[in-house]
Amino acid sequence: MLQLNPPLPLNTPKGEGFAHFLIDYGPESDLYWTVFITDTGEIWTFSNREVRASKNITLGRTAPSSPRPAPARRAEADRSVIPMSAKDGAKG
């Protein structure tokens, strides 16, 4: 865990805020940003794919894309292969 000094302004699915901590669980895991949301004062932790750097005209970041929540993971049953009998119309 790294305390960011100064905190970094980020856009999150919950609104704009400042990241105060960065959590790194290792090479096979996303980075996680602990962000204090400006409007509500809430504290949330977001994965790297859920946040974007805030607008910074000096650095040429005039219209950063809006972050989107990570897609929900599908249940294991949704990933299963359709049985051959169902594919070719054969009965049971």
Protein backbone atom coordinates (compact mmCIF):
# COMPACT_ATOMS: atom_id res chain seq x y z
CA MET A 1 0.00 0.00 0.00
CA LEU A 2 1.27 3.43 -0.96
CA GLN A 3 -0.01 6.70 0.46
CA LEU A 4 -0.12 9.24 -2.36
CA ASN A 5 1.36 12.62 -1.49
CA PRO A 6 -0.11 14.73 -3.00
CA PRO A 7 -3.39 12.91 -3.66
CA LEU A 8 -4.24 12.42 -7.36
CA PRO A 9 -7.49 13.74 -8.87
CA LEU A 10 -9.43 10.92 -10.55
CA ASN A 11 -12.76 10.40 -12.30
CA THR A 12 -14.64 7.40 -10.91
CA PRO A 13 -18.05 5.78 -11.44
CA LYS A 14 -19.13 7.59 -8.24
CA GLY A 15 -17.94 11.02 -9.41
CA GLU A 16 -14.75 13.03 -9.14
CA GLY A 17 -12.46 12.53 -6.18
CA PHE A 18 -8.90 12.34 -4.95
CA ALA A 19 -6.97 9.08 -4.68
CA HIS A 20 -5.14 8.95 -1.35
CA PHE A 21 -3.92 5.34 -1.44
CA LEU A 22 -2.75 2.89 -4.09
CA ILE A 23 -2.92 -0.82 -3.30
CA ASP A 24 -0.87 -3.33 -5.32
CA TYR A 25 -1.54 -7.01 -4.64
CA GLY A 26 1.09 -8.17 -7.13
CA PRO A 27 1.62 -8.93 -10.80
CA GLU A 28 -1.55 -11.00 -11.27
CA SER A 29 -3.93 -8.45 -9.80
CA ASP A 30 -5.26 -5.02 -10.74
CA LEU A 31 -4.06 -1.92 -8.96
CA TYR A 32 -6.66 -0.55 -6.53
CA TRP A 33 -7.18 3.16 -5.86
CA THR A 34 -8.75 4.37 -2.61
CA VAL A 35 -10.59 7.55 -3.56
CA PHE A 36 -12.28 10.19 -1.40
CA ILE A 37 -15.31 11.32 -3.45
CA THR A 38 -15.49 15.13 -3.56
CA ASP A 39 -19.30 15.62 -3.61
CA THR A 40 -20.29 13.09 -0.95
CA GLY A 41 -17.20 12.54 1.17
CA GLU A 42 -17.56 8.79 0.64
CA ILE A 43 -14.45 6.65 0.47
CA TRP A 44 -14.41 3.95 -2.20
CA THR A 45 -11.78 1.61 -3.60
CA PHE A 46 -11.80 1.13 -7.38
CA SER A 47 -9.82 -1.17 -9.64
CA ASN A 48 -7.52 0.42 -12.18
CA ARG A 49 -9.93 -0.22 -15.08
CA GLU A 50 -12.69 1.75 -13.29
CA VAL A 51 -10.87 5.08 -12.93
CA ARG A 52 -9.50 7.74 -15.28
CA ALA A 53 -7.16 10.64 -14.76
CA SER A 54 -9.03 13.92 -14.35
CA LYS A 55 -8.99 16.71 -16.92
CA ASN A 56 -5.67 18.57 -17.07
CA ILE A 57 -5.38 21.16 -19.83
CA THR A 58 -1.67 21.78 -19.14
CA LEU A 59 -0.89 18.12 -19.86
CA GLY A 60 -3.21 18.01 -22.88
CA ARG A 61 -5.87 15.87 -21.21
CA THR A 62 -8.85 18.00 -22.22
CA ALA A 63 -11.57 15.35 -22.46
CA PRO A 64 -10.71 12.12 -20.63
CA SER A 65 -13.15 9.28 -21.20
CA SER A 66 -15.68 8.59 -18.50
CA PRO A 67 -14.95 5.49 -16.45
CA ARG A 68 -17.46 2.69 -16.59
CA PRO A 69 -18.10 0.16 -13.85
CA ALA A 70 -16.41 -3.18 -14.42
CA PRO A 71 -18.74 -5.61 -16.16
CA ALA A 72 -20.40 -8.14 -13.91
CA ARG A 73 -18.88 -11.57 -14.16
CA ARG A 74 -21.11 -14.16 -15.73
CA ALA A 75 -22.03 -17.28 -13.79
CA GLU A 76 -20.13 -20.44 -14.68
CA ALA A 77 -23.34 -21.90 -16.17
CA ASP A 78 -23.49 -19.04 -18.69
CA ARG A 79 -20.08 -20.02 -20.04
CA SER A 80 -20.96 -23.65 -20.60
CA VAL A 81 -20.95 -25.11 -24.08
CA ILE A 82 -24.27 -25.99 -25.67
CA PRO A 83 -24.62 -29.80 -25.73
CA MET A 84 -24.42 -31.41 -29.16
CA SER A 85 -27.96 -32.76 -28.86
CA ALA A 86 -29.30 -29.20 -28.48
CA LYS A 87 -27.22 -27.91 -31.41
CA ASP A 88 -28.37 -30.43 -33.98
CA GLY A 89 -31.95 -30.73 -32.77
CA ALA A 90 -31.58 -34.37 -31.68
CA LYS A 91 -33.68 -35.51 -28.78
CA GLY A 92 -32.33 -36.80 -25.70
